[in-house]
Amino acid sequence: MKDNPMRPPETVPVSQVMSRKPVNPVAADGLLHWIWDELPSYAQCYMEPTFTDADAKAAGNLVFAAPNDWRGLIALCAYWIGLPNPAYREIIDSVWNHDHHHLLKAARGGAPMVRRMFSAAGFCIPLAGQVTVYRGAFGVPPEVAARGLAWTTARDVACWFACRQGRDDRSLVISATVNASDLLYWSNDRQEHEVIPRRPLPFTIDGRWSEWKKVADDLNEQRNKLSHANKIEGQPHASH
């Protein structure tokens, strides 16, 4: 084990450092010290303000600086250790938005574990009442698609996800209705109107492939036009 002056004191239990009740204090202690020892120095500098001071800005910087394949483990450690919000929420949001596959890999309990991790983050949901949500998938049965975590409130986005890998009868769009109080997460950072329900939802198949393809093509066209307009707007203007 490397001699690391920034390593947390061996004599101070993790449960005393953190104000929120740890989920798995024994595993958290081992994982925390392993990350602290092995993380590259350019990311290691954010460990103390994140895990000792629960600094939300440092938490975001830690995720940004850490190598991608470390980020899921950092999120798992933050969950197990009981890192308080908003620092914990910042970690979960950042890891999910940029490296969700690493979060899924680190969450050893699979989708149910990830849902518990999101529940602990206490995300604000700017929706109310009954909400229609959609999920696009490709090459899997509807029952498998419905067990997925990420849904959207925008049907065209679901059609795009369904058709992006191939445009044939393996594409699928399903829809469901859920109360906003049963949503754990909402984000539009990537203009995807993403939500994560608290549990798998009863669903219906929403439409047919030919219509999904048209909707996906229309959305692609809109995005391409917007991207082109943004590039033109960002170009320097000639002097007159």
Foldseek 3Di string as FASTA:
>chain_A
DDDDPLAPDPVDQLCVQADFGFQARVVLVVLLRVCLVPWDPVLNVLSCCCSRVVDQVSLLVNLVRTPLLCLLSVLVSCRRSRRDPPNSVSSLVNNCVPPVVSVQVSQVVHPLSNLVSLQRNQDDQPDFFKAKWKAKDFQDDPVVRLQDFKIASDQLLRLLRQPVVHQDQRIFMKMFIDGSVQWSDFDCPVPRRIIGGSGRGDIDTDDGRVVSVVSNVVVVVVVVVVVVVVVVVPDDDDDD
